[in-house]
Amino acid sequence: MALKPDSTAPYHSVQHALRVLEAVSRHGGGVTDVQIARETALPARQLAALLLMLRREGYIQQVADGAYVTGDALARLGSTAGREQAIRDKLQLTLDELRDTVGAAVYISRYIDGEVKITQYADGPDAPAVKEWVDFRSSAHASAVGKSLLTQLDLNGRRDHLSRHKPARLTSRTITNERLLFSKLDAQPPTVPVLDLQEYAVGTVCAAVPITAGSAVGCLALSMPIEHAHRLRAAAQTLNRGAAPVLLSLAL
């Protein structure tokens, strides 16, 4: 499975956040924002936003004199003992917060061994998860999750997937023609959420954004009942903005 050349470009905010974390980690006794700016060469406004996000996520904390030190969340993720569970716990907390922010069920999906897999999700009474009436592994051509993952594969990777999972018409809106599907995937801007407007299931709309980390293909998605469709695009943009903490957890 190969990635499209432009799909592996990481979020700049995550790259910059990692640089900030490296700067803070180098100074065990604490470091000021002025020193961090000097070491990372980040503009003051951008650095302030990153510091706020990293504090909110628990990766850094501010001590009495205003200096920054590493936080508990970074220590847990940096520990070899229980690291995998610590990452899952951190991701779940982030997903729960995103669910409440966007008012929709949210999901992390990865493309693993040639298959679409939902690895974690957060739903609730006011944010119901989509009913998996057709296996997500065989419906990548119709779901926002699947299409987001397919956009990150090269042509051979896509053809390989569809050779194993023939596109079936799930609703009247489902695209089953391979050429048309690939054309739409190629036209999808990498920074714009992929939408599913009742292509997978009647009564449900979805959106997904890529969270590619290195060679791992993944996406962050949301779903909501059709009666909330008027909120979809705004919710998708909020989801897009919330992707950085998720990708950061995966990158650490």
C-alpha atoms as a PDB file:
ATOM      1  CA  MET A   1       0.000   0.000   0.000  1.00  0.00           C
ATOM      2  CA  ALA A   2       1.469   3.336  -1.052  1.00  0.00           C
ATOM      3  CA  LEU A   3       0.593   6.852  -0.052  1.00  0.00           C
ATOM      4  CA  LYS A   4      -0.063   9.730  -2.376  1.00  0.00           C
ATOM      5  CA  PRO A   5       2.988  12.031  -2.291  1.00  0.00           C
ATOM      6  CA  ASP A   6       0.991  15.006  -0.997  1.00  0.00           C
ATOM      7  CA  SER A   7      -0.952  13.028   1.610  1.00  0.00           C
ATOM      8  CA  THR A   8       1.993  12.524   3.947  1.00  0.00           C
ATOM      9  CA  ALA A   9       2.521  16.231   4.629  1.00  0.00           C
ATOM     10  CA  PRO A  10       1.949  16.579   8.396  1.00  0.00           C
ATOM     11  CA  TYR A  11      -0.016  19.391   9.943  1.00  0.00           C
ATOM     12  CA  HIS A  12       2.259  22.382  10.400  1.00  0.00           C
ATOM     13  CA  SER A  13       0.701  23.025  13.794  1.00  0.00           C
ATOM     14  CA  VAL A  14       1.731  19.551  14.971  1.00  0.00           C
ATOM     15  CA  GLN A  15       5.264  19.997  13.674  1.00  0.00           C
ATOM     16  CA  HIS A  16       5.473  23.301  15.505  1.00  0.00           C
ATOM     17  CA  ALA A  17       3.921  21.833  18.651  1.00  0.00           C
ATOM     18  CA  LEU A  18       6.577  19.114  18.673  1.00  0.00           C
ATOM     19  CA  ARG A  19       9.270  21.785  18.394  1.00  0.00           C
ATOM     20  CA  VAL A  20       7.764  23.611  21.370  1.00  0.00           C
ATOM     21  CA  LEU A  21       7.656  20.384  23.391  1.00  0.00           C
ATOM     22  CA  GLU A  22      11.284  19.685  22.534  1.00  0.00           C
ATOM     23  CA  ALA A  23      12.248  23.169  23.715  1.00  0.00           C
ATOM     24  CA  VAL A  24      10.376  22.758  27.001  1.00  0.00           C
ATOM     25  CA  SER A  25      11.811  19.282  27.547  1.00  0.00           C
ATOM     26  CA  ARG A  26      15.361  20.599  27.169  1.00  0.00           C
ATOM     27  CA  HIS A  27      14.858  22.887  30.165  1.00  0.00           C
ATOM     28  CA  GLY A  28      14.013  20.709  33.147  1.00  0.00           C
ATOM     29  CA  GLY A  29      13.835  23.717  35.468  1.00  0.00           C
ATOM     30  CA  GLY A  30      11.380  25.602  33.256  1.00  0.00           C
ATOM     31  CA  VAL A  31      11.629  27.903  30.271  1.00  0.00           C
ATOM     32  CA  THR A  32       9.945  31.217  29.415  1.00  0.00           C
ATOM     33  CA  ASP A  33       7.882  31.864  26.319  1.00  0.00           C
ATOM     34  CA  VAL A  34      10.558  34.347  25.232  1.00  0.00           C
ATOM     35  CA  GLN A  35      13.209  31.609  25.290  1.00  0.00           C
ATOM     36  CA  ILE A  36      10.874  29.155  23.542  1.00  0.00           C
ATOM     37  CA  ALA A  37      10.250  31.714  20.803  1.00  0.00           C
ATOM     38  CA  ARG A  38      13.999  32.204  20.420  1.00  0.00           C
ATOM     39  CA  GLU A  39      14.660  28.460  20.130  1.00  0.00           C
ATOM     40  CA  THR A  40      11.729  27.638  17.836  1.00  0.00           C
ATOM     41  CA  ALA A  41      11.672  30.847  15.760  1.00  0.00           C
ATOM     42  CA  LEU A  42       7.875  30.843  15.952  1.00  0.00           C
ATOM     43  CA  PRO A  43       5.915  34.112  15.770  1.00  0.00           C
ATOM     44  CA  ALA A  44       4.514  35.300  19.115  1.00  0.00           C
ATOM     45  CA  ARG A  45       0.859  34.881  18.138  1.00  0.00           C
ATOM     46  CA  GLN A  46       1.354  31.360  16.796  1.00  0.00           C
ATOM     47  CA  LEU A  47       3.437  30.371  19.808  1.00  0.00           C
ATOM     48  CA  ALA A  48       0.775  31.675  22.196  1.00  0.00           C
ATOM     49  CA  ALA A  49      -1.882  29.523  20.501  1.00  0.00           C
ATOM     50  CA  LEU A  50       0.367  26.447  20.645  1.00  0.00           C
ATOM     51  CA  LEU A  51       1.208  26.996  24.310  1.00  0.00           C
ATOM     52  CA  LEU A  52      -2.495  27.313  25.097  1.00  0.00           C
ATOM     53  CA  MET A  53      -3.284  24.073  23.255  1.00  0.00           C
ATOM     54  CA  LEU A  54      -0.406  22.189  24.881  1.00  0.00           C
ATOM     55  CA  ARG A  55      -1.458  23.388  28.337  1.00  0.00           C
ATOM     56  CA  ARG A  56      -5.071  22.419  27.674  1.00  0.00           C
ATOM     57  CA  GLU A  57      -3.969  18.937  26.597  1.00  0.00           C
ATOM     58  CA  GLY A  58      -1.738  18.518  29.660  1.00  0.00           C
ATOM     59  CA  TYR A  59       1.531  18.265  27.725  1.00  0.00           C
ATOM     60  CA  ILE A  60       3.000  21.302  29.462  1.00  0.00           C
ATOM     61  CA  GLN A  61       2.155  23.336  32.540  1.00  0.00           C
ATOM     62  CA  GLN A  62       3.006  26.800  33.763  1.00  0.00           C
ATOM     63  CA  VAL A  63       4.693  27.148  37.150  1.00  0.00           C
ATOM     64  CA  ALA A  64       4.557  30.010  39.630  1.00  0.00           C
ATOM     65  CA  ASP A  65       7.159  32.206  37.914  1.00  0.00           C
ATOM     66  CA  GLY A  66       5.401  31.875  34.556  1.00  0.00           C
ATOM     67  CA  ALA A  67       7.909  29.425  33.104  1.00  0.00           C
ATOM     68  CA  TYR A  68       6.782  26.296  31.281  1.00  0.00           C
ATOM     69  CA  VAL A  69       7.648  22.726  32.267  1.00  0.00           C
ATOM     70  CA  THR A  70       6.532  19.382  30.872  1.00  0.00           C
ATOM     71  CA  GLY A  71       3.118  18.160  32.027  1.00  0.00           C
ATOM     72  CA  ASP A  72       1.728  14.896  33.325  1.00  0.00           C
ATOM     73  CA  ALA A  73       0.219  13.855  29.980  1.00  0.00           C
ATOM     74  CA  LEU A  74       3.615  14.039  28.271  1.00  0.00           C
ATOM     75  CA  ALA A  75       5.196  12.043  31.079  1.00  0.00           C
ATOM     76  CA  ARG A  76       2.570   9.307  30.758  1.00  0.00           C
ATOM     77  CA  LEU A  77       2.956   9.077  26.987  1.00  0.00           C
ATOM     78  CA  GLY A  78       6.744   9.088  27.322  1.00  0.00           C
ATOM     79  CA  SER A  79       6.767   6.152  29.711  1.00  0.00           C
ATOM     80  CA  THR A  80       7.343   2.714  28.201  1.00  0.00           C
ATOM     81  CA  ALA A  81       5.212   1.091  30.890  1.00  0.00           C
ATOM     82  CA  GLY A  82       1.562   1.319  29.881  1.00  0.00           C
ATOM     83  CA  ARG A  83       2.327   3.643  26.973  1.00  0.00           C
ATOM     84  CA  GLU A  84      -0.241   2.106  24.620  1.00  0.00           C
ATOM     85  CA  GLN A  85      -3.024   2.399  27.192  1.00  0.00           C
ATOM     86  CA  ALA A  86      -1.942   5.954  28.044  1.00  0.00           C
ATOM     87  CA  ILE A  87      -2.262   6.925  24.378  1.00  0.00           C
ATOM     88  CA  ARG A  88      -5.720   5.345  24.146  1.00  0.00           C
ATOM     89  CA  ASP A  89      -6.825   7.110  27.327  1.00  0.00           C
ATOM     90  CA  LYS A  90      -5.532  10.463  26.053  1.00  0.00           C
ATOM     91  CA  LEU A  91      -7.189   9.997  22.677  1.00  0.00           C
ATOM     92  CA  GLN A  92     -10.466   9.002  24.319  1.00  0.00           C
ATOM     93  CA  LEU A  93     -10.437  12.122  26.463  1.00  0.00           C
ATOM     94  CA  THR A  94      -9.799  14.245  23.374  1.00  0.00           C
ATOM     95  CA  LEU A  95     -12.582  12.471  21.463  1.00  0.00           C
ATOM     96  CA  ASP A  96     -15.035  12.978  24.340  1.00  0.00           C
ATOM     97  CA  GLU A  97     -14.246  16.700  24.356  1.00  0.00           C
ATOM     98  CA  LEU A  98     -14.595  16.918  20.569  1.00  0.00           C
ATOM     99  CA  ARG A  99     -17.944  15.108  20.730  1.00  0.00           C
ATOM    100  CA  ASP A 100     -19.247  17.689  23.179  1.00  0.00           C
ATOM    101  CA  THR A 101     -17.797  20.581  21.167  1.00  0.00           C
ATOM    102  CA  VAL A 102     -19.198  19.560  17.767  1.00  0.00           C
ATOM    103  CA  GLY A 103     -22.389  17.970  19.124  1.00  0.00           C
ATOM    104  CA  ALA A 104     -21.857  14.763  17.162  1.00  0.00           C
ATOM    105  CA  ALA A 105     -20.360  11.312  17.489  1.00  0.00           C
ATOM    106  CA  VAL A 106     -16.659  11.345  16.575  1.00  0.00           C
ATOM    107  CA  TYR A 107     -14.371   8.563  15.399  1.00  0.00           C
ATOM    108  CA  ILE A 108     -10.720   7.754  14.769  1.00  0.00           C
ATOM    109  CA  SER A 109     -10.197   5.425  11.825  1.00  0.00           C
ATOM    110  CA  ARG A 110      -6.982   3.876  10.526  1.00  0.00           C
ATOM    111  CA  TYR A 111      -6.137   2.004   7.345  1.00  0.00           C
ATOM    112  CA  ILE A 112      -4.482  -1.129   8.730  1.00  0.00           C
ATOM    113  CA  ASP A 113      -3.330  -4.085   6.614  1.00  0.00           C
ATOM    114  CA  GLY A 114      -5.486  -2.939   3.722  1.00  0.00           C
ATOM    115  CA  GLU A 115      -8.665  -2.539   5.764  1.00  0.00           C
ATOM    116  CA  VAL A 116     -10.714   0.346   7.163  1.00  0.00           C
ATOM    117  CA  LYS A 117     -10.873   0.094  10.945  1.00  0.00           C
ATOM    118  CA  ILE A 118     -12.582   2.334  13.496  1.00  0.00           C
ATOM    119  CA  THR A 119     -10.081   2.238  16.355  1.00  0.00           C
ATOM    120  CA  GLN A 120     -11.831   4.558  18.834  1.00  0.00           C
ATOM    121  CA  TYR A 121     -14.989   6.640  19.013  1.00  0.00           C
ATOM    122  CA  ALA A 122     -17.046   8.789  21.338  1.00  0.00           C
ATOM    123  CA  ASP A 123     -20.828   8.963  21.228  1.00  0.00           C
ATOM    124  CA  GLY A 124     -23.640   9.752  23.644  1.00  0.00           C
ATOM    125  CA  PRO A 125     -27.395  10.211  24.027  1.00  0.00           C
ATOM    126  CA  ASP A 126     -27.272  13.517  22.143  1.00  0.00           C
ATOM    127  CA  ALA A 127     -24.565  12.338  19.744  1.00  0.00           C
ATOM    128  CA  PRO A 128     -25.578   8.882  18.478  1.00  0.00           C
ATOM    129  CA  ALA A 129     -23.034   6.795  16.592  1.00  0.00           C
ATOM    130  CA  VAL A 130     -23.886   5.784  13.046  1.00  0.00           C
ATOM    131  CA  LYS A 131     -25.418   2.325  12.828  1.00  0.00           C
ATOM    132  CA  GLU A 132     -22.996   0.020  10.990  1.00  0.00           C
ATOM    133  CA  TRP A 133     -25.597  -1.576   8.756  1.00  0.00           C
ATOM    134  CA  VAL A 134     -22.929  -2.419   6.175  1.00  0.00           C
ATOM    135  CA  ASP A 135     -19.433  -3.380   7.347  1.00  0.00           C
ATOM    136  CA  PHE A 136     -17.235  -0.270   7.259  1.00  0.00           C
ATOM    137  CA  ARG A 137     -14.470  -2.377   5.710  1.00  0.00           C
ATOM    138  CA  SER A 138     -16.532  -2.969   2.567  1.00  0.00           C
ATOM    139  CA  SER A 139     -18.098   0.495   2.290  1.00  0.00           C
ATOM    140  CA  ALA A 140     -15.086   2.796   1.975  1.00  0.00           C
ATOM    141  CA  HIS A 141     -16.440   4.095  -1.345  1.00  0.00           C
ATOM    142  CA  ALA A 142     -19.550   5.453   0.399  1.00  0.00           C
ATOM    143  CA  SER A 143     -18.508   6.644   3.868  1.00  0.00           C
ATOM    144  CA  ALA A 144     -16.693   9.862   4.760  1.00  0.00           C
ATOM    145  CA  VAL A 145     -14.229   7.758   6.766  1.00  0.00           C
ATOM    146  CA  GLY A 146     -13.511   5.461   3.843  1.00  0.00           C
ATOM    147  CA  LYS A 147     -13.226   8.221   1.275  1.00  0.00           C
ATOM    148  CA  SER A 148     -10.849  10.195   3.514  1.00  0.00           C
ATOM    149  CA  LEU A 149      -8.625   7.135   3.835  1.00  0.00           C
ATOM    150  CA  LEU A 150      -8.806   6.390   0.107  1.00  0.00           C
ATOM    151  CA  THR A 151      -7.751   9.961  -0.741  1.00  0.00           C
ATOM    152  CA  GLN A 152      -4.510   9.236   1.094  1.00  0.00           C
ATOM    153  CA  LEU A 153      -3.700   6.178  -1.013  1.00  0.00           C
ATOM    154  CA  ASP A 154      -2.127   6.227  -4.450  1.00  0.00           C
ATOM    155  CA  LEU A 155      -3.930   4.847  -7.501  1.00  0.00           C
ATOM    156  CA  ASN A 156      -2.616   1.305  -7.036  1.00  0.00           C
ATOM    157  CA  GLY A 157      -3.585   1.341  -3.375  1.00  0.00           C
ATOM    158  CA  ARG A 158      -7.124   2.427  -4.227  1.00  0.00           C
ATOM    159  CA  ARG A 159      -7.488  -0.143  -6.990  1.00  0.00           C
ATOM    160  CA  ASP A 160      -6.221  -2.858  -4.686  1.00  0.00           C
ATOM    161  CA  HIS A 161      -8.803  -1.901  -2.070  1.00  0.00           C
ATOM    162  CA  LEU A 162     -11.708  -1.828  -4.514  1.00  0.00           C
ATOM    163  CA  SER A 163     -10.614  -5.116  -6.073  1.00  0.00           C
ATOM    164  CA  ARG A 164     -11.199  -6.686  -2.673  1.00  0.00           C
ATOM    165  CA  HIS A 165     -14.289  -4.621  -1.796  1.00  0.00           C
ATOM    166  CA  LYS A 166     -16.456  -4.087  -4.868  1.00  0.00           C
ATOM    167  CA  PRO A 167     -18.419  -0.793  -4.602  1.00  0.00           C
ATOM    168  CA  ALA A 168     -22.074  -1.563  -3.927  1.00  0.00           C
ATOM    169  CA  ARG A 169     -24.976   0.873  -4.113  1.00  0.00           C
ATOM    170  CA  LEU A 170     -25.989   1.464  -0.499  1.00  0.00           C
ATOM    171  CA  THR A 171     -28.299   4.428  -1.138  1.00  0.00           C
ATOM    172  CA  SER A 172     -29.430   6.379  -4.192  1.00  0.00           C
ATOM    173  CA  ARG A 173     -26.480   8.740  -3.589  1.00  0.00           C
ATOM    174  CA  THR A 174     -23.726   6.112  -3.464  1.00  0.00           C
ATOM    175  CA  ILE A 175     -21.037   6.379  -6.148  1.00  0.00           C
ATOM    176  CA  THR A 176     -20.230   2.934  -7.505  1.00  0.00           C
ATOM    177  CA  ASN A 177     -18.355   3.906 -10.690  1.00  0.00           C
ATOM    178  CA  GLU A 178     -14.627   3.598  -9.988  1.00  0.00           C
ATOM    179  CA  ARG A 179     -13.559   6.303 -12.433  1.00  0.00           C
ATOM    180  CA  LEU A 180     -16.060   8.813 -11.056  1.00  0.00           C
ATOM    181  CA  LEU A 181     -15.131   7.943  -7.468  1.00  0.00           C
ATOM    182  CA  PHE A 182     -11.409   8.377  -8.120  1.00  0.00           C
ATOM    183  CA  SER A 183     -12.068  11.646  -9.932  1.00  0.00           C
ATOM    184  CA  LYS A 184     -13.895  12.997  -6.894  1.00  0.00           C
ATOM    185  CA  LEU A 185     -11.173  11.772  -4.552  1.00  0.00           C
ATOM    186  CA  ASP A 186      -8.488  13.470  -6.664  1.00  0.00           C
ATOM    187  CA  ALA A 187     -10.468  16.719  -6.662  1.00  0.00           C
ATOM    188  CA  GLN A 188     -10.738  16.686  -2.864  1.00  0.00           C
ATOM    189  CA  PRO A 189      -8.533  19.452  -1.352  1.00  0.00           C
ATOM    190  CA  PRO A 190      -6.426  17.949   1.495  1.00  0.00           C
ATOM    191  CA  THR A 191      -7.427  20.719   3.899  1.00  0.00           C
ATOM    192  CA  VAL A 192     -11.191  20.422   3.252  1.00  0.00           C
ATOM    193  CA  PRO A 193     -13.242  17.797   5.126  1.00  0.00           C
ATOM    194  CA  VAL A 194     -14.621  14.893   3.076  1.00  0.00           C
ATOM    195  CA  LEU A 195     -18.418  14.742   3.314  1.00  0.00           C
ATOM    196  CA  ASP A 196     -20.874  11.857   3.164  1.00  0.00           C
ATOM    197  CA  LEU A 197     -24.367  13.173   2.458  1.00  0.00           C
ATOM    198  CA  GLN A 198     -26.471  10.037   2.919  1.00  0.00           C
ATOM    199  CA  GLU A 199     -24.154   7.989   0.694  1.00  0.00           C
ATOM    200  CA  TYR A 200     -23.559   5.305   3.326  1.00  0.00           C
ATOM    201  CA  ALA A 201     -26.910   5.387   5.122  1.00  0.00           C
ATOM    202  CA  VAL A 202     -30.188   7.198   4.586  1.00  0.00           C
ATOM    203  CA  GLY A 203     -30.770   9.563   7.482  1.00  0.00           C
ATOM    204  CA  THR A 204     -27.095  10.117   8.341  1.00  0.00           C
ATOM    205  CA  VAL A 205     -24.492  12.674   7.242  1.00  0.00           C
ATOM    206  CA  CYS A 206     -20.780  12.471   8.022  1.00  0.00           C
ATOM    207  CA  ALA A 207     -17.507  14.347   7.609  1.00  0.00           C
ATOM    208  CA  ALA A 208     -13.865  13.280   7.913  1.00  0.00           C
ATOM    209  CA  VAL A 209     -10.435  14.924   7.930  1.00  0.00           C
ATOM    210  CA  PRO A 210      -7.064  13.174   7.443  1.00  0.00           C
ATOM    211  CA  ILE A 211      -4.723  12.590  10.390  1.00  0.00           C
ATOM    212  CA  THR A 212      -1.795  11.039   8.570  1.00  0.00           C
ATOM    213  CA  ALA A 213       1.211  10.484  10.834  1.00  0.00           C
ATOM    214  CA  GLY A 214       4.299   9.306   8.977  1.00  0.00           C
ATOM    215  CA  SER A 215       3.355   6.281   6.860  1.00  0.00           C
ATOM    216  CA  ALA A 216       0.188   5.562   8.876  1.00  0.00           C
ATOM    217  CA  VAL A 217      -3.042   6.524   7.119  1.00  0.00           C
ATOM    218  CA  GLY A 218      -5.855   7.708   9.363  1.00  0.00           C
ATOM    219  CA  CYS A 219      -8.725  10.120   9.719  1.00  0.00           C
ATOM    220  CA  LEU A 220     -10.887  11.846  12.280  1.00  0.00           C
ATOM    221  CA  ALA A 221     -14.609  11.788  11.531  1.00  0.00           C
ATOM    222  CA  LEU A 222     -18.040  12.760  12.807  1.00  0.00           C
ATOM    223  CA  SER A 223     -21.579  11.649  12.090  1.00  0.00           C
ATOM    224  CA  MET A 224     -24.963  13.181  12.825  1.00  0.00           C
ATOM    225  CA  PRO A 225     -28.610  12.509  11.993  1.00  0.00           C
ATOM    226  CA  ILE A 226     -29.951  14.144   8.844  1.00  0.00           C
ATOM    227  CA  GLU A 227     -32.045  16.603  10.862  1.00  0.00           C
ATOM    228  CA  HIS A 228     -28.763  18.200  11.966  1.00  0.00           C
ATOM    229  CA  ALA A 229     -27.375  18.410   8.428  1.00  0.00           C
ATOM    230  CA  HIS A 230     -27.517  22.206   8.544  1.00  0.00           C
ATOM    231  CA  ARG A 231     -24.721  22.031  11.171  1.00  0.00           C
ATOM    232  CA  LEU A 232     -22.508  19.630   9.241  1.00  0.00           C
ATOM    233  CA  ARG A 233     -20.115  22.021   7.513  1.00  0.00           C
ATOM    234  CA  ALA A 234     -19.549  24.151  10.618  1.00  0.00           C
ATOM    235  CA  ALA A 235     -19.077  21.012  12.723  1.00  0.00           C
ATOM    236  CA  ALA A 236     -16.631  19.640  10.136  1.00  0.00           C
ATOM    237  CA  GLN A 237     -14.539  22.803  10.314  1.00  0.00           C
ATOM    238  CA  THR A 238     -14.495  22.562  14.118  1.00  0.00           C
ATOM    239  CA  LEU A 239     -13.442  18.930  13.770  1.00  0.00           C
ATOM    240  CA  ASN A 240     -10.662  19.988  11.420  1.00  0.00           C
ATOM    241  CA  ARG A 241      -9.370  22.488  13.959  1.00  0.00           C
ATOM    242  CA  GLY A 242      -9.562  19.812  16.663  1.00  0.00           C
ATOM    243  CA  ALA A 243      -7.504  17.314  14.681  1.00  0.00           C
ATOM    244  CA  ALA A 244      -4.138  18.685  15.817  1.00  0.00           C
ATOM    245  CA  PRO A 245      -4.339  17.330  19.407  1.00  0.00           C
ATOM    246  CA  VAL A 246      -5.343  13.906  18.067  1.00  0.00           C
ATOM    247  CA  LEU A 247      -2.483  13.826  15.582  1.00  0.00           C
ATOM    248  CA  LEU A 248      -0.095  15.070  18.262  1.00  0.00           C
ATOM    249  CA  SER A 249      -1.010  12.160  20.556  1.00  0.00           C
ATOM    250  CA  LEU A 250      -0.361   9.746  17.702  1.00  0.00           C
ATOM    251  CA  ALA A 251       2.940  11.421  16.796  1.00  0.00           C
ATOM    252  CA  LEU A 252       4.462  11.449  20.288  1.00  0.00           C
END
